[in-house]
């Protein structure tokens, strides 16, 4: 998906009003020429 603001993050959380939850930061692969945080396989809902 084209656009200037491609250096972005997605955040999935069980409780934006909570505190002290463990955090995982996902770095997508793709041979350093492909990859995105928007690929459906990387949906963070189950972690949240």
ModelCIF file with pLDDT and N, C-alpha, C, O atoms, coordinates in Angstrom:
data_MODEL
#
_entry.id   MODEL 
#
_entity.id                         1 
_entity.type                       polymer 
_entity.pdbx_number_of_molecules   1 
#
_entity_poly.entity_id                      1 
_entity_poly.type                           'polypeptide(L)' 
_entity_poly.nstd_linkage                   no 
_entity_poly.nstd_monomer                   no 
_entity_poly.pdbx_seq_one_letter_code       
;(UNK)(UNK)(UNK)(UNK)(UNK)(UNK)(UNK)(UNK)(UNK)(UNK)(UNK)(UNK)(UNK)(UNK)(UNK)(UNK)
(UNK)(UNK)(UNK)(UNK)(UNK)(UNK)(UNK)(UNK)(UNK)(UNK)(UNK)(UNK)(UNK)(UNK)(UNK)(UNK)
(UNK)(UNK)(UNK)(UNK)(UNK)(UNK)(UNK)(UNK)(UNK)(UNK)(UNK)(UNK)(UNK)(UNK)(UNK)(UNK)
;
_entity_poly.pdbx_seq_one_letter_code_can   XXXXXXXXXXXXXXXXXXXXXXXXXXXXXXXXXXXXXXXXXXXXXXXX 
_entity_poly.pdbx_strand_id                 A 
#
loop_
_entity_poly_seq.entity_id 
_entity_poly_seq.num 
_entity_poly_seq.mon_id 
_entity_poly_seq.hetero 
1 1  UNK n 
1 2  UNK n 
1 3  UNK n 
1 4  UNK n 
1 5  UNK n 
1 6  UNK n 
1 7  UNK n 
1 8  UNK n 
1 9  UNK n 
1 10 UNK n 
1 11 UNK n 
1 12 UNK n 
1 13 UNK n 
1 14 UNK n 
1 15 UNK n 
1 16 UNK n 
1 17 UNK n 
1 18 UNK n 
1 19 UNK n 
1 20 UNK n 
1 21 UNK n 
1 22 UNK n 
1 23 UNK n 
1 24 UNK n 
1 25 UNK n 
1 26 UNK n 
1 27 UNK n 
1 28 UNK n 
1 29 UNK n 
1 30 UNK n 
1 31 UNK n 
1 32 UNK n 
1 33 UNK n 
1 34 UNK n 
1 35 UNK n 
1 36 UNK n 
1 37 UNK n 
1 38 UNK n 
1 39 UNK n 
1 40 UNK n 
1 41 UNK n 
1 42 UNK n 
1 43 UNK n 
1 44 UNK n 
1 45 UNK n 
1 46 UNK n 
1 47 UNK n 
1 48 UNK n 
#
_struct_asym.id          A 
_struct_asym.entity_id   1 
#
loop_
_ma_qa_metric.id 
_ma_qa_metric.mode 
_ma_qa_metric.name 
_ma_qa_metric.software_group_id 
_ma_qa_metric.type 
1 global pLDDT . pLDDT 
2 local  pLDDT . pLDDT 
#
_ma_qa_metric_global.metric_id      1 
_ma_qa_metric_global.metric_value   97.48 
_ma_qa_metric_global.model_id       1 
_ma_qa_metric_global.ordinal_id     1 
#
loop_
_ma_qa_metric_local.label_asym_id 
_ma_qa_metric_local.label_comp_id 
_ma_qa_metric_local.label_seq_id 
_ma_qa_metric_local.metric_id 
_ma_qa_metric_local.metric_value 
_ma_qa_metric_local.model_id 
_ma_qa_metric_local.ordinal_id 
A UNK 1  2 98.00 1 1  
A UNK 2  2 97.00 1 2  
A UNK 3  2 97.00 1 3  
A UNK 4  2 98.00 1 4  
A UNK 5  2 98.00 1 5  
A UNK 6  2 98.00 1 6  
A UNK 7  2 98.00 1 7  
A UNK 8  2 98.00 1 8  
A UNK 9  2 98.00 1 9  
A UNK 10 2 98.00 1 10 
A UNK 11 2 98.00 1 11 
A UNK 12 2 98.00 1 12 
A UNK 13 2 98.00 1 13 
A UNK 14 2 97.00 1 14 
A UNK 15 2 94.00 1 15 
A UNK 16 2 94.00 1 16 
A UNK 17 2 92.00 1 17 
A UNK 18 2 94.00 1 18 
A UNK 19 2 96.00 1 19 
A UNK 20 2 97.00 1 20 
A UNK 21 2 98.00 1 21 
A UNK 22 2 98.00 1 22 
A UNK 23 2 98.00 1 23 
A UNK 24 2 99.00 1 24 
A UNK 25 2 99.00 1 25 
A UNK 26 2 99.00 1 26 
A UNK 27 2 98.00 1 27 
A UNK 28 2 98.00 1 28 
A UNK 29 2 98.00 1 29 
A UNK 30 2 97.00 1 30 
A UNK 31 2 97.00 1 31 
A UNK 32 2 98.00 1 32 
A UNK 33 2 97.00 1 33 
A UNK 34 2 98.00 1 34 
A UNK 35 2 98.00 1 35 
A UNK 36 2 98.00 1 36 
A UNK 37 2 98.00 1 37 
A UNK 38 2 98.00 1 38 
A UNK 39 2 98.00 1 39 
A UNK 40 2 97.00 1 40 
A UNK 41 2 98.00 1 41 
A UNK 42 2 98.00 1 42 
A UNK 43 2 98.00 1 43 
A UNK 44 2 98.00 1 44 
A UNK 45 2 98.00 1 45 
A UNK 46 2 98.00 1 46 
A UNK 47 2 98.00 1 47 
A UNK 48 2 98.00 1 48 
#
loop_
_atom_site.group_PDB 
_atom_site.id 
_atom_site.type_symbol 
_atom_site.label_atom_id 
_atom_site.label_alt_id 
_atom_site.label_comp_id 
_atom_site.label_asym_id 
_atom_site.label_entity_id 
_atom_site.label_seq_id 
_atom_site.pdbx_PDB_ins_code 
_atom_site.Cartn_x 
_atom_site.Cartn_y 
_atom_site.Cartn_z 
_atom_site.occupancy 
_atom_site.B_iso_or_equiv 
_atom_site.pdbx_formal_charge 
_atom_site.auth_seq_id 
_atom_site.auth_comp_id 
_atom_site.auth_asym_id 
_atom_site.auth_atom_id 
_atom_site.pdbx_PDB_model_num 
ATOM 1   N N  . UNK A 1 1  ? 0.852  -1.193  0.000  1.00 98.00 ? 1  UNK A N  1 
ATOM 2   C CA . UNK A 1 1  ? 0.000  0.000   0.000  1.00 98.00 ? 1  UNK A CA 1 
ATOM 3   C C  . UNK A 1 1  ? 0.880  1.232   0.000  1.00 98.00 ? 1  UNK A C  1 
ATOM 4   O O  . UNK A 1 1  ? 1.662  1.440   0.928  1.00 98.00 ? 1  UNK A O  1 
ATOM 5   N N  . UNK A 1 2  ? 0.760  2.050   -1.032 1.00 97.00 ? 2  UNK A N  1 
ATOM 6   C CA . UNK A 1 2  ? 1.584  3.250   -1.143 1.00 97.00 ? 2  UNK A CA 1 
ATOM 7   C C  . UNK A 1 2  ? 1.123  4.318   -0.156 1.00 97.00 ? 2  UNK A C  1 
ATOM 8   O O  . UNK A 1 2  ? -0.037 4.356   0.254  1.00 97.00 ? 2  UNK A O  1 
ATOM 9   N N  . UNK A 1 3  ? 2.058  5.177   0.208  1.00 97.00 ? 3  UNK A N  1 
ATOM 10  C CA . UNK A 1 3  ? 1.747  6.307   1.075  1.00 97.00 ? 3  UNK A CA 1 
ATOM 11  C C  . UNK A 1 3  ? 2.987  6.764   1.801  1.00 97.00 ? 3  UNK A C  1 
ATOM 12  O O  . UNK A 1 3  ? 3.885  5.960   2.048  1.00 97.00 ? 3  UNK A O  1 
ATOM 13  N N  . UNK A 1 4  ? 3.063  8.040   2.152  1.00 98.00 ? 4  UNK A N  1 
ATOM 14  C CA . UNK A 1 4  ? 4.288  8.559   2.761  1.00 98.00 ? 4  UNK A CA 1 
ATOM 15  C C  . UNK A 1 4  ? 4.530  8.087   4.188  1.00 98.00 ? 4  UNK A C  1 
ATOM 16  O O  . UNK A 1 4  ? 5.682  7.996   4.610  1.00 98.00 ? 4  UNK A O  1 
ATOM 17  N N  . UNK A 1 5  ? 3.468  7.782   4.951  1.00 98.00 ? 5  UNK A N  1 
ATOM 18  C CA . UNK A 1 5  ? 3.639  7.440   6.370  1.00 98.00 ? 5  UNK A CA 1 
ATOM 19  C C  . UNK A 1 5  ? 3.746  5.929   6.573  1.00 98.00 ? 5  UNK A C  1 
ATOM 20  O O  . UNK A 1 5  ? 3.004  5.332   7.354  1.00 98.00 ? 5  UNK A O  1 
ATOM 21  N N  . UNK A 1 6  ? 4.690  5.329   5.846  1.00 98.00 ? 6  UNK A N  1 
ATOM 22  C CA . UNK A 1 6  ? 4.825  3.876   5.933  1.00 98.00 ? 6  UNK A CA 1 
ATOM 23  C C  . UNK A 1 6  ? 5.654  3.437   7.134  1.00 98.00 ? 6  UNK A C  1 
ATOM 24  O O  . UNK A 1 6  ? 5.644  2.255   7.476  1.00 98.00 ? 6  UNK A O  1 
ATOM 25  N N  . UNK A 1 7  ? 6.363  4.338   7.777  1.00 98.00 ? 7  UNK A N  1 
ATOM 26  C CA . UNK A 1 7  ? 7.078  3.993   9.009  1.00 98.00 ? 7  UNK A CA 1 
ATOM 27  C C  . UNK A 1 7  ? 6.088  4.115   10.165 1.00 98.00 ? 7  UNK A C  1 
ATOM 28  O O  . UNK A 1 7  ? 6.068  5.101   10.902 1.00 98.00 ? 7  UNK A O  1 
ATOM 29  N N  . UNK A 1 8  ? 5.273  3.074   10.290 1.00 98.00 ? 8  UNK A N  1 
ATOM 30  C CA . UNK A 1 8  ? 4.179  3.100   11.258 1.00 98.00 ? 8  UNK A CA 1 
ATOM 31  C C  . UNK A 1 8  ? 4.144  1.834   12.088 1.00 98.00 ? 8  UNK A C  1 
ATOM 32  O O  . UNK A 1 8  ? 4.794  0.842   11.759 1.00 98.00 ? 8  UNK A O  1 
ATOM 33  N N  . UNK A 1 9  ? 3.385  1.877   13.158 1.00 98.00 ? 9  UNK A N  1 
ATOM 34  C CA . UNK A 1 9  ? 3.202  0.722   14.039 1.00 98.00 ? 9  UNK A CA 1 
ATOM 35  C C  . UNK A 1 9  ? 1.707  0.420   14.165 1.00 98.00 ? 9  UNK A C  1 
ATOM 36  O O  . UNK A 1 9  ? 0.860  1.307   14.055 1.00 98.00 ? 9  UNK A O  1 
ATOM 37  N N  . UNK A 1 10 ? 1.418  -0.849  14.397 1.00 98.00 ? 10 UNK A N  1 
ATOM 38  C CA . UNK A 1 10 ? 0.088  -1.294  14.809 1.00 98.00 ? 10 UNK A CA 1 
ATOM 39  C C  . UNK A 1 10 ? 0.175  -1.786  16.247 1.00 98.00 ? 10 UNK A C  1 
ATOM 40  O O  . UNK A 1 10 ? 1.153  -2.430  16.625 1.00 98.00 ? 10 UNK A O  1 
ATOM 41  N N  . UNK A 1 11 ? -0.837 -1.487  17.048 1.00 98.00 ? 11 UNK A N  1 
ATOM 42  C CA . UNK A 1 11 ? -0.856 -1.910  18.450 1.00 98.00 ? 11 UNK A CA 1 
ATOM 43  C C  . UNK A 1 11 ? -2.174 -2.605  18.737 1.00 98.00 ? 11 UNK A C  1 
ATOM 44  O O  . UNK A 1 11 ? -3.248 -2.063  18.477 1.00 98.00 ? 11 UNK A O  1 
ATOM 45  N N  . UNK A 1 12 ? -2.077 -3.817  19.277 1.00 98.00 ? 12 UNK A N  1 
ATOM 46  C CA . UNK A 1 12 ? -3.253 -4.542  19.764 1.00 98.00 ? 12 UNK A CA 1 
ATOM 47  C C  . UNK A 1 12 ? -3.118 -4.676  21.278 1.00 98.00 ? 12 UNK A C  1 
ATOM 48  O O  . UNK A 1 12 ? -2.069 -5.092  21.770 1.00 98.00 ? 12 UNK A O  1 
ATOM 49  N N  . UNK A 1 13 ? -4.152 -4.333  22.007 1.00 98.00 ? 13 UNK A N  1 
ATOM 50  C CA . UNK A 1 13 ? -4.072 -4.377  23.463 1.00 98.00 ? 13 UNK A CA 1 
ATOM 51  C C  . UNK A 1 13 ? -5.369 -4.910  24.063 1.00 98.00 ? 13 UNK A C  1 
ATOM 52  O O  . UNK A 1 13 ? -6.447 -4.668  23.520 1.00 98.00 ? 13 UNK A O  1 
ATOM 53  N N  . UNK A 1 14 ? -5.273 -5.637  25.184 1.00 97.00 ? 14 UNK A N  1 
ATOM 54  C CA . UNK A 1 14 ? -6.492 -6.067  25.866 1.00 97.00 ? 14 UNK A CA 1 
ATOM 55  C C  . UNK A 1 14 ? -7.113 -4.956  26.692 1.00 97.00 ? 14 UNK A C  1 
ATOM 56  O O  . UNK A 1 14 ? -8.297 -5.008  27.024 1.00 97.00 ? 14 UNK A O  1 
ATOM 57  N N  . UNK A 1 15 ? -6.301 -3.931  27.029 1.00 94.00 ? 15 UNK A N  1 
ATOM 58  C CA . UNK A 1 15 ? -6.812 -2.909  27.949 1.00 94.00 ? 15 UNK A CA 1 
ATOM 59  C C  . UNK A 1 15 ? -5.983 -1.636  27.836 1.00 94.00 ? 15 UNK A C  1 
ATOM 60  O O  . UNK A 1 15 ? -4.965 -1.509  28.516 1.00 94.00 ? 15 UNK A O  1 
ATOM 61  N N  . UNK A 1 16 ? -6.398 -0.683  26.985 1.00 94.00 ? 16 UNK A N  1 
ATOM 62  C CA . UNK A 1 16 ? -5.633 0.559   26.886 1.00 94.00 ? 16 UNK A CA 1 
ATOM 63  C C  . UNK A 1 16 ? -5.640 1.378   28.166 1.00 94.00 ? 16 UNK A C  1 
ATOM 64  O O  . UNK A 1 16 ? -4.851 2.312   28.311 1.00 94.00 ? 16 UNK A O  1 
ATOM 65  N N  . UNK A 1 17 ? -6.521 1.036   29.090 1.00 92.00 ? 17 UNK A N  1 
ATOM 66  C CA . UNK A 1 17 ? -6.526 1.730   30.369 1.00 92.00 ? 17 UNK A CA 1 
ATOM 67  C C  . UNK A 1 17 ? -5.792 0.987   31.458 1.00 92.00 ? 17 UNK A C  1 
ATOM 68  O O  . UNK A 1 17 ? -5.777 1.419   32.610 1.00 92.00 ? 17 UNK A O  1 
ATOM 69  N N  . UNK A 1 18 ? -5.174 -0.147  31.096 1.00 94.00 ? 18 UNK A N  1 
ATOM 70  C CA . UNK A 1 18 ? -4.487 -0.972  32.082 1.00 94.00 ? 18 UNK A CA 1 
ATOM 71  C C  . UNK A 1 18 ? -3.058 -0.532  32.307 1.00 94.00 ? 18 UNK A C  1 
ATOM 72  O O  . UNK A 1 18 ? -2.654 0.567   31.927 1.00 94.00 ? 18 UNK A O  1 
ATOM 73  N N  . UNK A 1 19 ? -2.298 -1.428  32.940 1.00 96.00 ? 19 UNK A N  1 
ATOM 74  C CA . UNK A 1 19 ? -0.892 -1.134  33.225 1.00 96.00 ? 19 UNK A CA 1 
ATOM 75  C C  . UNK A 1 19 ? -0.149 -2.430  33.475 1.00 96.00 ? 19 UNK A C  1 
ATOM 76  O O  . UNK A 1 19 ? -0.727 -3.415  33.937 1.00 96.00 ? 19 UNK A O  1 
ATOM 77  N N  . UNK A 1 20 ? 1.142  -2.421  33.166 1.00 97.00 ? 20 UNK A N  1 
ATOM 78  C CA . UNK A 1 20 ? 2.011  -3.540  33.529 1.00 97.00 ? 20 UNK A CA 1 
ATOM 79  C C  . UNK A 1 20 ? 1.900  -4.775  32.676 1.00 97.00 ? 20 UNK A C  1 
ATOM 80  O O  . UNK A 1 20 ? 2.395  -5.831  33.071 1.00 97.00 ? 20 UNK A O  1 
ATOM 81  N N  . UNK A 1 21 ? 1.262  -4.689  31.502 1.00 98.00 ? 21 UNK A N  1 
ATOM 82  C CA . UNK A 1 21 ? 1.122  -5.867  30.651 1.00 98.00 ? 21 UNK A CA 1 
ATOM 83  C C  . UNK A 1 21 ? 2.419  -6.141  29.889 1.00 98.00 ? 21 UNK A C  1 
ATOM 84  O O  . UNK A 1 21 ? 3.118  -5.204  29.503 1.00 98.00 ? 21 UNK A O  1 
ATOM 85  N N  . UNK A 1 22 ? 2.749  -7.426  29.667 1.00 98.00 ? 22 UNK A N  1 
ATOM 86  C CA . UNK A 1 22 ? 3.917  -7.727  28.840 1.00 98.00 ? 22 UNK A CA 1 
ATOM 87  C C  . UNK A 1 22 ? 3.713  -7.222  27.418 1.00 98.00 ? 22 UNK A C  1 
ATOM 88  O O  . UNK A 1 22 ? 2.587  -7.165  26.923 1.00 98.00 ? 22 UNK A O  1 
ATOM 89  N N  . UNK A 1 23 ? 4.810  -6.858  26.770 1.00 98.00 ? 23 UNK A N  1 
ATOM 90  C CA . UNK A 1 23 ? 4.782  -6.267  25.431 1.00 98.00 ? 23 UNK A CA 1 
ATOM 91  C C  . UNK A 1 23 ? 5.613  -7.132  24.491 1.00 98.00 ? 23 UNK A C  1 
ATOM 92  O O  . UNK A 1 23 ? 6.695  -7.593  24.853 1.00 98.00 ? 23 UNK A O  1 
ATOM 93  N N  . UNK A 1 24 ? 5.102  -7.349  23.285 1.00 99.00 ? 24 UNK A N  1 
ATOM 94  C CA . UNK A 1 24 ? 5.867  -8.026  22.240 1.00 99.00 ? 24 UNK A CA 1 
ATOM 95  C C  . UNK A 1 24 ? 5.913  -7.115  21.018 1.00 99.00 ? 24 UNK A C  1 
ATOM 96  O O  . UNK A 1 24 ? 4.892  -6.572  20.596 1.00 99.00 ? 24 UNK A O  1 
ATOM 97  N N  . UNK A 1 25 ? 7.102  -6.957  20.458 1.00 99.00 ? 25 UNK A N  1 
ATOM 98  C CA . UNK A 1 25 ? 7.293  -6.121  19.271 1.00 99.00 ? 25 UNK A CA 1 
ATOM 99  C C  . UNK A 1 25 ? 7.687  -7.027  18.108 1.00 99.00 ? 25 UNK A C  1 
ATOM 100 O O  . UNK A 1 25 ? 8.734  -7.674  18.130 1.00 99.00 ? 25 UNK A O  1 
ATOM 101 N N  . UNK A 1 26 ? 6.823  -7.059  17.089 1.00 99.00 ? 26 UNK A N  1 
ATOM 102 C CA . UNK A 1 26 ? 6.997  -7.954  15.944 1.00 99.00 ? 26 UNK A CA 1 
ATOM 103 C C  . UNK A 1 26 ? 7.736  -7.236  14.815 1.00 99.00 ? 26 UNK A C  1 
ATOM 104 O O  . UNK A 1 26 ? 7.361  -6.138  14.404 1.00 99.00 ? 26 UNK A O  1 
ATOM 105 N N  . UNK A 1 27 ? 8.814  -7.895  14.317 1.00 98.00 ? 27 UNK A N  1 
ATOM 106 C CA . UNK A 1 27 ? 9.587  -7.393  13.186 1.00 98.00 ? 27 UNK A CA 1 
ATOM 107 C C  . UNK A 1 27 ? 9.353  -8.334  12.012 1.00 98.00 ? 27 UNK A C  1 
ATOM 108 O O  . UNK A 1 27 ? 9.872  -9.450  12.020 1.00 98.00 ? 27 UNK A O  1 
ATOM 109 N N  . UNK A 1 28 ? 8.592  -7.926  11.005 1.00 98.00 ? 28 UNK A N  1 
ATOM 110 C CA . UNK A 1 28 ? 8.257  -8.835  9.898  1.00 98.00 ? 28 UNK A CA 1 
ATOM 111 C C  . UNK A 1 28 ? 9.483  -9.193  9.066  1.00 98.00 ? 28 UNK A C  1 
ATOM 112 O O  . UNK A 1 28 ? 10.448 -8.434  8.989  1.00 98.00 ? 28 UNK A O  1 
ATOM 113 N N  . UNK A 1 29 ? 9.419  -10.370 8.445  1.00 98.00 ? 29 UNK A N  1 
ATOM 114 C CA . UNK A 1 29 ? 10.447 -10.803 7.516  1.00 98.00 ? 29 UNK A CA 1 
ATOM 115 C C  . UNK A 1 29 ? 10.027 -10.577 6.075  1.00 98.00 ? 29 UNK A C  1 
ATOM 116 O O  . UNK A 1 29 ? 8.984  -9.985  5.799  1.00 98.00 ? 29 UNK A O  1 
ATOM 117 N N  . UNK A 1 30 ? 10.870 -11.066 5.151  1.00 97.00 ? 30 UNK A N  1 
ATOM 118 C CA . UNK A 1 30 ? 10.616 -10.893 3.735  1.00 97.00 ? 30 UNK A CA 1 
ATOM 119 C C  . UNK A 1 30 ? 11.893 -10.629 2.958  1.00 97.00 ? 30 UNK A C  1 
ATOM 120 O O  . UNK A 1 30 ? 11.886 -9.888  1.975  1.00 97.00 ? 30 UNK A O  1 
ATOM 121 N N  . UNK A 1 31 ? 13.000 -11.240 3.401  1.00 97.00 ? 31 UNK A N  1 
ATOM 122 C CA . UNK A 1 31 ? 14.301 -11.135 2.720  1.00 97.00 ? 31 UNK A CA 1 
ATOM 123 C C  . UNK A 1 31 ? 14.808 -9.701  2.636  1.00 97.00 ? 31 UNK A C  1 
ATOM 124 O O  . UNK A 1 31 ? 15.609 -9.376  1.760  1.00 97.00 ? 31 UNK A O  1 
ATOM 125 N N  . UNK A 1 32 ? 14.350 -8.848  3.533  1.00 98.00 ? 32 UNK A N  1 
ATOM 126 C CA . UNK A 1 32 ? 14.731 -7.432  3.578  1.00 98.00 ? 32 UNK A CA 1 
ATOM 127 C C  . UNK A 1 32 ? 14.280 -6.655  2.342  1.00 98.00 ? 32 UNK A C  1 
ATOM 128 O O  . UNK A 1 32 ? 14.730 -5.530  2.126  1.00 98.00 ? 32 UNK A O  1 
ATOM 129 N N  . UNK A 1 33 ? 13.398 -7.241  1.529  1.00 97.00 ? 33 UNK A N  1 
ATOM 130 C CA . UNK A 1 33 ? 12.820 -6.514  0.390  1.00 97.00 ? 33 UNK A CA 1 
ATOM 131 C C  . UNK A 1 33 ? 11.296 -6.536  0.413  1.00 97.00 ? 33 UNK A C  1 
ATOM 132 O O  . UNK A 1 33 ? 10.658 -5.811  -0.350 1.00 97.00 ? 33 UNK A O  1 
ATOM 133 N N  . UNK A 1 34 ? 10.711 -7.348  1.268  1.00 98.00 ? 34 UNK A N  1 
ATOM 134 C CA . UNK A 1 34 ? 9.260  -7.410  1.414  1.00 98.00 ? 34 UNK A CA 1 
ATOM 135 C C  . UNK A 1 34 ? 8.923  -7.519  2.900  1.00 98.00 ? 34 UNK A C  1 
ATOM 136 O O  . UNK A 1 34 ? 9.796  -7.772  3.731  1.00 98.00 ? 34 UNK A O  1 
ATOM 137 N N  . UNK A 1 35 ? 7.648  -7.326  3.217  1.00 98.00 ? 35 UNK A N  1 
ATOM 138 C CA . UNK A 1 35 ? 7.183  -7.494  4.576  1.00 98.00 ? 35 UNK A CA 1 
ATOM 139 C C  . UNK A 1 35 ? 6.450  -6.271  5.080  1.00 98.00 ? 35 UNK A C  1 
ATOM 140 O O  . UNK A 1 35 ? 6.791  -5.138  4.741  1.00 98.00 ? 35 UNK A O  1 
ATOM 141 N N  . UNK A 1 36 ? 5.429  -6.520  5.904  1.00 98.00 ? 36 UNK A N  1 
ATOM 142 C CA . UNK A 1 36 ? 4.627  -5.421  6.426  1.00 98.00 ? 36 UNK A CA 1 
ATOM 143 C C  . UNK A 1 36 ? 3.885  -5.878  7.669  1.00 98.00 ? 36 UNK A C  1 
ATOM 144 O O  . UNK A 1 36 ? 3.569  -7.058  7.820  1.00 98.00 ? 36 UNK A O  1 
ATOM 145 N N  . UNK A 1 37 ? 3.611  -4.931  8.555  1.00 98.00 ? 37 UNK A N  1 
ATOM 146 C CA . UNK A 1 37 ? 2.860  -5.242  9.773  1.00 98.00 ? 37 UNK A CA 1 
ATOM 147 C C  . UNK A 1 37 ? 1.377  -5.436  9.508  1.00 98.00 ? 37 UNK A C  1 
ATOM 148 O O  . UNK A 1 37 ? 0.630  -5.782  10.423 1.00 98.00 ? 37 UNK A O  1 
ATOM 149 N N  . UNK A 1 38 ? 0.937  -5.220  8.275  1.00 98.00 ? 38 UNK A N  1 
ATOM 150 C CA . UNK A 1 38 ? -0.477 -5.352  7.924  1.00 98.00 ? 38 UNK A CA 1 
ATOM 151 C C  . UNK A 1 38 ? -0.832 -6.688  7.301  1.00 98.00 ? 38 UNK A C  1 
ATOM 152 O O  . UNK A 1 38 ? -1.984 -6.891  6.918  1.00 98.00 ? 38 UNK A O  1 
ATOM 153 N N  . UNK A 1 39 ? 0.108  -7.595  7.187  1.00 98.00 ? 39 UNK A N  1 
ATOM 154 C CA . UNK A 1 39 ? -0.187 -8.931  6.644  1.00 98.00 ? 39 UNK A CA 1 
ATOM 155 C C  . UNK A 1 39 ? -1.117 -9.665  7.612  1.00 98.00 ? 39 UNK A C  1 
ATOM 156 O O  . UNK A 1 39 ? -0.847 -9.686  8.813  1.00 98.00 ? 39 UNK A O  1 
ATOM 157 N N  . UNK A 1 40 ? -2.202 -10.266 7.121  1.00 97.00 ? 40 UNK A N  1 
ATOM 158 C CA . UNK A 1 40 ? -3.194 -10.876 8.025  1.00 97.00 ? 40 UNK A CA 1 
ATOM 159 C C  . UNK A 1 40 ? -2.632 -11.932 8.967  1.00 97.00 ? 40 UNK A C  1 
ATOM 160 O O  . UNK A 1 40 ? -3.152 -12.111 10.068 1.00 97.00 ? 40 UNK A O  1 
ATOM 161 N N  . UNK A 1 41 ? -1.576 -12.635 8.553  1.00 98.00 ? 41 UNK A N  1 
ATOM 162 C CA . UNK A 1 41 ? -0.986 -13.640 9.444  1.00 98.00 ? 41 UNK A CA 1 
ATOM 163 C C  . UNK A 1 41 ? -0.481 -13.020 10.735 1.00 98.00 ? 41 UNK A C  1 
ATOM 164 O O  . UNK A 1 41 ? -0.369 -13.706 11.751 1.00 98.00 ? 41 UNK A O  1 
ATOM 165 N N  . UNK A 1 42 ? -0.172 -11.717 10.705 1.00 98.00 ? 42 UNK A N  1 
ATOM 166 C CA . UNK A 1 42 ? 0.447  -11.045 11.847 1.00 98.00 ? 42 UNK A CA 1 
ATOM 167 C C  . UNK A 1 42 ? -0.565 -10.288 12.702 1.00 98.00 ? 42 UNK A C  1 
ATOM 168 O O  . UNK A 1 42 ? -0.181 -9.436  13.504 1.00 98.00 ? 42 UNK A O  1 
ATOM 169 N N  . UNK A 1 43 ? -1.831 -10.583 12.542 1.00 98.00 ? 43 UNK A N  1 
ATOM 170 C CA . UNK A 1 43 ? -2.841 -9.940  13.385 1.00 98.00 ? 43 UNK A CA 1 
ATOM 171 C C  . UNK A 1 43 ? -2.540 -10.249 14.853 1.00 98.00 ? 43 UNK A C  1 
ATOM 172 O O  . UNK A 1 43 ? -2.363 -11.407 15.231 1.00 98.00 ? 43 UNK A O  1 
ATOM 173 N N  . UNK A 1 44 ? -2.484 -9.199  15.671 1.00 98.00 ? 44 UNK A N  1 
ATOM 174 C CA . UNK A 1 44 ? -2.085 -9.372  17.067 1.00 98.00 ? 44 UNK A CA 1 
ATOM 175 C C  . UNK A 1 44 ? -3.218 -9.650  18.020 1.00 98.00 ? 44 UNK A C  1 
ATOM 176 O O  . UNK A 1 44 ? -3.018 -9.625  19.235 1.00 98.00 ? 44 UNK A O  1 
ATOM 177 N N  . UNK A 1 45 ? -4.417 -9.917  17.501 1.00 98.00 ? 45 UNK A N  1 
ATOM 178 C CA . UNK A 1 45 ? -5.577 -10.066 18.377 1.00 98.00 ? 45 UNK A CA 1 
ATOM 179 C C  . UNK A 1 45 ? -5.431 -11.206 19.377 1.00 98.00 ? 45 UNK A C  1 
ATOM 180 O O  . UNK A 1 45 ? -5.824 -11.070 20.535 1.00 98.00 ? 45 UNK A O  1 
ATOM 181 N N  . UNK A 1 46 ? -4.863 -12.339 18.933 1.00 98.00 ? 46 UNK A N  1 
ATOM 182 C CA . UNK A 1 46 ? -4.736 -13.471 19.849 1.00 98.00 ? 46 UNK A CA 1 
ATOM 183 C C  . UNK A 1 46 ? -3.764 -13.164 20.976 1.00 98.00 ? 46 UNK A C  1 
ATOM 184 O O  . UNK A 1 46 ? -3.981 -13.588 22.111 1.00 98.00 ? 46 UNK A O  1 
ATOM 185 N N  . UNK A 1 47 ? -2.695 -12.432 20.681 1.00 98.00 ? 47 UNK A N  1 
ATOM 186 C CA . UNK A 1 47 ? -1.776 -12.038 21.755 1.00 98.00 ? 47 UNK A CA 1 
ATOM 187 C C  . UNK A 1 47 ? -2.473 -11.116 22.741 1.00 98.00 ? 47 UNK A C  1 
ATOM 188 O O  . UNK A 1 47 ? -2.328 -11.275 23.953 1.00 98.00 ? 47 UNK A O  1 
ATOM 189 N N  . UNK A 1 48 ? -3.236 -10.144 22.224 1.00 98.00 ? 48 UNK A N  1 
ATOM 190 C CA . UNK A 1 48 ? -3.964 -9.245  23.124 1.00 98.00 ? 48 UNK A CA 1 
ATOM 191 C C  . UNK A 1 48 ? -5.004 -10.007 23.932 1.00 98.00 ? 48 UNK A C  1 
ATOM 192 O O  . UNK A 1 48 ? -5.713 -9.412  24.743 1.00 98.00 ? 48 UNK A O  1 
#
